[in-house]
């Protein structure tokens, strides 16, 4: 091999090495970007299921609307001191995701439309998940008395009866329970209304394992195969304010399960509540409904025992 040929071969080899390094670096860079985006997308999907994304601007905007609404974007800017672009973007996203509702829309001669916004029940529930808003709970109760008439509408009564501290504990427990239940219900609807539900099961796996633990697979199959689950979910979604009222009046179920609340304490609490005519009527109606429900359950248990006894006799 001549000297020129050796030089050329060396140059060719070096060029191949450089080309390989360049190609590998591009693949690693793009692959890294793809992996990063995929991970971020997955985390964001799971985050959206469990809790609405908490940007720095999300809480102050919801808080401003809750304490001053219905207000428009310019008034929100004034209360939060956030840039117009930020407020506009967050309000649009909050409206699209059903945290806000348009209360009024006024069109000027120039064609400009100014809208005022108010929190939906979902928006209010999301706000109450943030501990910082509870220092304003008296104002929230006054402004949203029509949303929870037997809780916020009775705020003054609770204070007069010395029940406010107990009510606050029950209300916080109710908000946490309902927020978790709401996310599960929304996942129900997504799974059953999307055409590619089976392809998206992996994204919801964490949610269902969290909510149903060892029964996750069975629940997921049920949701795909039984439309009845969707109807039941929608009904319960509508009745969530009722669930909050029930939890405040009768206490969270886990308080009973773990002995946090005794029967004597609950009776004393109910006796004070019954001094209000509307609460008294609500308690009587719910106790009657609960009694009928438990009687049906007891009858089912008795029927099952009879059937099992007959089955054993036949074998």
Protein backbone atom coordinates (compact mmCIF):
# COMPACT_ATOMS: atom_id res chain seq x y z
CA UNK A 1 0.00 0.00 0.00
CA UNK A 2 1.41 3.34 -1.04
CA UNK A 3 1.65 6.28 1.28
CA UNK A 4 -1.22 8.11 -0.48
CA UNK A 5 -3.45 5.04 -0.23
CA UNK A 6 -2.67 4.67 3.50
CA UNK A 7 -3.50 8.34 4.07
CA UNK A 8 -6.76 7.96 2.16
CA UNK A 9 -7.75 4.83 4.14
CA UNK A 10 -6.97 6.65 7.41
CA UNK A 11 -9.03 9.63 6.29
CA UNK A 12 -11.91 7.33 5.25
CA UNK A 13 -11.80 5.50 8.59
CA UNK A 14 -11.76 8.78 10.54
CA UNK A 15 -14.68 10.05 8.46
CA UNK A 16 -16.70 6.92 9.25
CA UNK A 17 -15.94 7.31 12.96
CA UNK A 18 -17.04 10.95 12.93
CA UNK A 19 -20.17 10.09 10.95
CA UNK A 20 -20.99 7.32 13.43
CA UNK A 21 -20.50 9.66 16.40
CA UNK A 22 -22.62 12.35 14.75
CA UNK A 23 -25.44 9.88 13.93
CA UNK A 24 -25.34 8.37 17.42
CA UNK A 25 -25.46 11.80 19.05
CA UNK A 26 -28.52 12.77 16.97
CA UNK A 27 -30.27 9.50 17.84
CA UNK A 28 -29.45 9.89 21.53
CA UNK A 29 -30.59 13.51 21.53
CA UNK A 30 -33.87 12.83 19.73
CA UNK A 31 -34.45 9.63 21.67
CA UNK A 32 -33.82 11.47 24.92
CA UNK A 33 -36.28 14.18 23.91
CA UNK A 34 -38.88 11.56 22.96
CA UNK A 35 -38.38 9.68 26.22
CA UNK A 36 -38.57 12.93 28.20
CA UNK A 37 -41.79 13.95 26.44
CA UNK A 38 -43.31 10.51 26.94
CA UNK A 39 -42.51 10.50 30.65
CA UNK A 40 -43.80 14.06 31.06
CA UNK A 41 -46.97 13.19 29.17
CA UNK A 42 -47.58 10.13 31.34
CA UNK A 43 -46.97 12.06 34.56
CA UNK A 44 -49.21 14.89 33.41
CA UNK A 45 -52.00 12.41 32.54
CA UNK A 46 -51.83 10.80 35.96
CA UNK A 47 -51.54 14.23 37.59
CA UNK A 48 -54.65 15.45 35.80
CA UNK A 49 -56.60 12.44 37.07
CA UNK A 50 -55.61 12.86 40.71
CA UNK A 51 -55.34 16.59 41.08
CA UNK A 52 -55.69 19.57 38.71
CA UNK A 53 -52.26 20.98 37.88
CA UNK A 54 -51.18 23.51 40.48
CA UNK A 55 -49.43 26.33 38.74
CA UNK A 56 -48.52 29.39 40.80
CA UNK A 57 -51.28 31.36 39.10
CA UNK A 58 -54.04 28.75 39.44
CA UNK A 59 -54.79 29.20 43.15
CA UNK A 60 -54.81 33.04 43.28
CA UNK A 61 -57.12 33.23 40.25
CA UNK A 62 -59.63 30.73 41.66
CA UNK A 63 -59.39 32.46 45.03
CA UNK A 64 -60.02 35.90 43.51
CA UNK A 65 -63.09 34.62 41.67
CA UNK A 66 -64.38 32.77 44.74
CA UNK A 67 -64.11 35.80 47.04
CA UNK A 68 -65.09 38.51 44.55
CA UNK A 69 -67.00 36.83 41.76
CA UNK A 70 -68.64 36.99 39.43
CA UNK A 71 -65.81 39.11 37.98
CA UNK A 72 -64.21 39.64 34.57
CA UNK A 73 -60.63 39.10 33.45
CA UNK A 74 -59.61 42.70 34.10
CA UNK A 75 -60.94 42.54 37.65
CA UNK A 76 -59.09 39.26 38.16
CA UNK A 77 -55.88 40.99 37.06
CA UNK A 78 -56.52 43.74 39.61
CA UNK A 79 -57.07 41.30 42.49
CA UNK A 80 -54.18 38.95 41.61
CA UNK A 81 -51.70 41.43 40.06
CA UNK A 82 -50.89 38.83 37.45
CA UNK A 83 -50.08 39.67 33.80
CA UNK A 84 -53.02 39.87 31.39
CA UNK A 85 -51.68 37.02 29.22
CA UNK A 86 -51.32 34.71 32.25
CA UNK A 87 -54.81 35.48 33.53
CA UNK A 88 -56.35 35.02 30.09
CA UNK A 89 -54.59 31.67 29.56
CA UNK A 90 -55.45 30.24 33.01
CA UNK A 91 -59.07 31.43 32.89
CA UNK A 92 -59.55 29.87 29.45
CA UNK A 93 -58.10 26.54 30.62
CA UNK A 94 -60.13 26.63 33.85
CA UNK A 95 -63.30 27.33 31.85
CA UNK A 96 -62.55 24.55 29.33
CA UNK A 97 -62.03 22.07 32.18
CA UNK A 98 -65.26 23.08 33.94
CA UNK A 99 -63.72 24.89 36.92
CA UNK A 100 -65.45 28.12 35.86
CA UNK A 101 -68.78 29.10 34.35
CA UNK A 102 -69.67 32.30 32.49
CA UNK A 103 -72.14 34.22 34.62
CA UNK A 104 -72.74 37.20 32.31
CA UNK A 105 -71.57 38.25 28.84
CA UNK A 106 -71.87 41.91 27.74
CA UNK A 107 -71.12 43.10 24.22
CA UNK A 108 -70.05 46.72 23.65
CA UNK A 109 -70.59 48.80 20.51
CA UNK A 110 -67.03 48.05 19.45
CA UNK A 111 -67.92 44.36 19.32
CA UNK A 112 -65.81 43.52 22.37
CA UNK A 113 -67.47 40.97 24.68
CA UNK A 114 -66.73 41.12 28.40
CA UNK A 115 -67.54 38.01 30.41
CA UNK A 116 -67.79 37.58 34.14
CA UNK A 117 -66.84 34.26 35.70
CA UNK A 118 -68.00 32.28 38.73
CA UNK A 119 -66.71 29.02 40.18
CA UNK A 120 -68.53 25.82 39.34
CA UNK A 121 -68.98 23.26 42.10
CA UNK A 122 -65.91 21.48 40.73
CA UNK A 123 -63.96 24.75 40.93
CA UNK A 124 -65.10 25.34 44.50
CA UNK A 125 -64.20 21.79 45.48
CA UNK A 126 -60.75 22.16 43.92
CA UNK A 127 -60.18 25.41 45.80
CA UNK A 128 -61.19 23.81 49.11
CA UNK A 129 -58.49 21.18 48.60
CA UNK A 130 -55.94 23.95 49.21
CA UNK A 131 -55.43 24.57 52.93
CA UNK A 132 -54.78 28.29 52.32
CA UNK A 133 -58.40 28.99 51.41
CA UNK A 134 -59.78 27.79 54.74
CA UNK A 135 -58.85 31.06 56.44
CA UNK A 136 -61.53 32.59 54.20
CA UNK A 137 -64.12 29.88 54.85
CA UNK A 138 -66.62 32.32 56.40
CA UNK A 139 -66.63 34.38 53.19
CA UNK A 140 -66.86 31.20 51.08
CA UNK A 141 -69.82 29.99 53.14
CA UNK A 142 -71.63 33.30 52.72
CA UNK A 143 -71.07 33.46 48.96
CA UNK A 144 -71.86 29.80 48.24
CA UNK A 145 -74.74 29.22 50.65
CA UNK A 146 -76.97 28.18 47.72
CA UNK A 147 -74.47 25.51 46.62
CA UNK A 148 -74.60 23.70 49.98
CA UNK A 149 -77.74 25.11 51.63
CA UNK A 150 -77.67 22.71 54.58
CA UNK A 151 -73.97 23.34 55.25
CA UNK A 152 -72.95 26.83 54.09
CA UNK A 153 -76.54 28.03 54.40
CA UNK A 154 -76.51 27.08 58.11
CA UNK A 155 -73.15 28.64 58.94
CA UNK A 156 -74.57 31.18 61.41
CA UNK A 157 -76.60 28.44 63.08
CA UNK A 158 -73.48 26.28 63.53
CA UNK A 159 -71.69 29.21 65.16
CA UNK A 160 -74.56 29.91 67.57
CA UNK A 161 -74.72 26.24 68.58
CA UNK A 162 -70.95 26.02 69.09
CA UNK A 163 -70.68 23.40 66.35
CA UNK A 164 -68.41 25.20 63.90
CA UNK A 165 -65.18 23.45 64.93
CA UNK A 166 -66.82 20.02 64.56
CA UNK A 167 -68.47 21.00 61.26
CA UNK A 168 -65.13 22.20 59.85
CA UNK A 169 -63.47 18.85 60.62
CA UNK A 170 -66.31 16.96 58.97
CA UNK A 171 -66.40 19.31 55.98
CA UNK A 172 -62.65 18.91 55.34
CA UNK A 173 -63.00 15.13 55.49
CA UNK A 174 -65.98 15.33 53.11
CA UNK A 175 -64.07 17.48 50.60
CA UNK A 176 -61.16 15.02 50.50
CA UNK A 177 -63.48 12.03 50.06
CA UNK A 178 -65.58 13.69 47.37
CA UNK A 179 -62.53 14.97 45.47
CA UNK A 180 -61.13 11.43 45.29
CA UNK A 181 -64.51 10.04 44.29
CA UNK A 182 -64.98 12.72 41.64
CA UNK A 183 -61.69 11.86 39.95
CA UNK A 184 -62.66 8.19 39.88
CA UNK A 185 -66.05 9.06 38.39
CA UNK A 186 -64.46 11.24 35.72
CA UNK A 187 -62.13 8.37 34.87
CA UNK A 188 -65.18 6.10 34.57
CA UNK A 189 -66.64 8.45 31.99
CA UNK A 190 -63.41 8.80 30.03
CA UNK A 191 -62.95 5.05 29.81
CA UNK A 192 -66.49 4.42 28.63
CA UNK A 193 -66.88 7.32 26.23
CA UNK A 194 -63.54 7.15 24.39
CA UNK A 195 -63.39 4.95 21.30
CA UNK A 196 -59.87 3.81 22.15
CA UNK A 197 -60.61 3.01 25.79
CA UNK A 198 -58.75 -0.32 25.77
CA UNK A 199 -55.63 1.35 24.40
CA UNK A 200 -55.65 3.84 27.28
CA UNK A 201 -56.04 1.37 30.15
CA UNK A 202 -52.37 1.55 31.07
CA UNK A 203 -52.66 5.28 31.79
CA UNK A 204 -55.45 4.62 34.28
CA UNK A 205 -53.85 1.60 35.93
CA UNK A 206 -52.32 3.64 38.74
CA UNK A 207 -55.64 5.32 39.45
CA UNK A 208 -57.61 2.10 39.70
CA UNK A 209 -55.01 0.35 41.82
CA UNK A 210 -55.10 3.33 44.17
CA UNK A 211 -58.90 3.34 44.32
CA UNK A 212 -59.71 -0.36 44.23
CA UNK A 213 -56.42 -2.08 45.13
CA UNK A 214 -56.65 -5.84 44.44
CA UNK A 215 -59.96 -5.46 42.61
CA UNK A 216 -58.53 -3.08 40.00
CA UNK A 217 -58.62 -5.60 37.11
CA UNK A 218 -62.21 -6.62 37.84
CA UNK A 219 -63.40 -3.02 38.08
CA UNK A 220 -61.67 -2.04 34.84
CA UNK A 221 -63.28 -4.96 32.99
CA UNK A 222 -66.66 -4.04 34.45
CA UNK A 223 -66.35 -0.44 33.28
CA UNK A 224 -65.57 -1.51 29.73
CA UNK A 225 -68.31 -4.13 29.49
CA UNK A 226 -71.17 -2.60 31.52
CA UNK A 227 -72.74 0.68 30.47
CA UNK A 228 -74.73 0.64 33.70
CA UNK A 229 -71.59 1.71 35.55
CA UNK A 230 -71.41 4.90 33.51
CA UNK A 231 -75.03 5.79 34.26
CA UNK A 232 -74.49 5.17 37.96
CA UNK A 233 -71.33 7.26 37.88
CA UNK A 234 -73.12 10.19 36.25
CA UNK A 235 -75.94 9.99 38.82
CA UNK A 236 -73.46 10.00 41.69
CA UNK A 237 -71.48 12.83 40.08
CA UNK A 238 -74.61 14.98 40.10
CA UNK A 239 -75.34 14.10 43.74
CA UNK A 240 -71.90 14.98 45.10
CA UNK A 241 -73.17 18.09 46.99
CA UNK A 242 -75.63 15.72 48.67
CA UNK A 243 -72.72 13.43 49.66
CA UNK A 244 -70.94 16.38 51.30
CA UNK A 245 -74.07 17.29 53.30
CA UNK A 246 -74.47 13.65 54.37
CA UNK A 247 -70.84 13.43 55.51
CA UNK A 248 -71.10 16.64 57.53
CA UNK A 249 -74.35 15.57 59.21
CA UNK A 250 -73.58 11.90 59.89
CA UNK A 251 -69.77 11.93 59.89
CA UNK A 252 -67.28 10.25 57.50
CA UNK A 253 -67.69 6.47 57.29
CA UNK A 254 -64.08 5.83 58.31
CA UNK A 255 -64.69 7.73 61.57
CA UNK A 256 -67.18 5.01 62.47
CA UNK A 257 -65.00 2.21 61.14
CA UNK A 258 -61.94 3.18 63.23
CA UNK A 259 -63.78 4.41 66.33
CA UNK A 260 -62.93 8.09 65.83
CA UNK A 261 -66.62 8.92 66.32
CA UNK A 262 -68.75 7.20 68.97
CA UNK A 263 -72.51 6.73 68.88
CA UNK A 264 -72.93 9.00 71.91
CA UNK A 265 -70.97 11.84 70.28
CA UNK A 266 -72.98 11.52 67.08
CA UNK A 267 -76.31 11.58 68.94
CA UNK A 268 -75.28 14.73 70.81
CA UNK A 269 -74.28 16.34 67.52
CA UNK A 270 -77.57 15.37 65.83
CA UNK A 271 -79.63 16.68 68.76
CA UNK A 272 -78.06 20.10 68.33
CA UNK A 273 -78.61 20.00 64.56
CA UNK A 274 -82.28 19.12 65.03
CA UNK A 275 -82.87 22.52 66.63
CA UNK A 276 -82.94 23.82 63.05
CA UNK A 277 -86.21 22.79 61.30
CA UNK A 278 -84.63 22.16 57.87
CA UNK A 279 -81.76 20.11 59.28
CA UNK A 280 -84.19 18.20 61.49
CA UNK A 281 -86.33 17.28 58.47
CA UNK A 282 -83.22 16.26 56.49
CA UNK A 283 -82.01 14.01 59.33
CA UNK A 284 -85.38 12.25 59.63
CA UNK A 285 -85.63 11.66 55.87
CA UNK A 286 -82.08 10.34 55.59
CA UNK A 287 -82.44 8.05 58.61
CA UNK A 288 -85.60 6.59 57.11
CA UNK A 289 -83.85 6.03 53.76
CA UNK A 290 -80.85 4.48 55.51
CA UNK A 291 -83.07 2.15 57.52
CA UNK A 292 -84.83 0.92 54.35
CA UNK A 293 -81.49 0.44 52.63
CA UNK A 294 -80.12 -1.63 55.53
CA UNK A 295 -83.32 -3.68 55.68
CA UNK A 296 -82.89 -4.57 51.99
CA UNK A 297 -79.28 -5.55 52.63
CA UNK A 298 -80.30 -7.68 55.61
CA UNK A 299 -82.98 -9.39 53.53
CA UNK A 300 -80.39 -10.16 50.85
CA UNK A 301 -78.08 -11.71 53.44
CA UNK A 302 -80.93 -13.88 54.80
CA UNK A 303 -81.82 -15.01 51.26
CA UNK A 304 -78.21 -15.92 50.50
CA UNK A 305 -77.95 -17.95 53.72
CA UNK A 306 -81.12 -19.91 52.86
CA UNK A 307 -79.83 -20.65 49.36
CA UNK A 308 -76.46 -21.78 50.71
CA UNK A 309 -78.16 -24.05 53.25
CA UNK A 310 -80.27 -25.67 50.51
CA UNK A 311 -77.19 -26.07 48.30
CA UNK A 312 -75.35 -27.87 51.13
CA UNK A 313 -78.33 -30.18 51.69
CA UNK A 314 -78.39 -31.14 48.00
CA UNK A 315 -74.69 -31.98 48.02
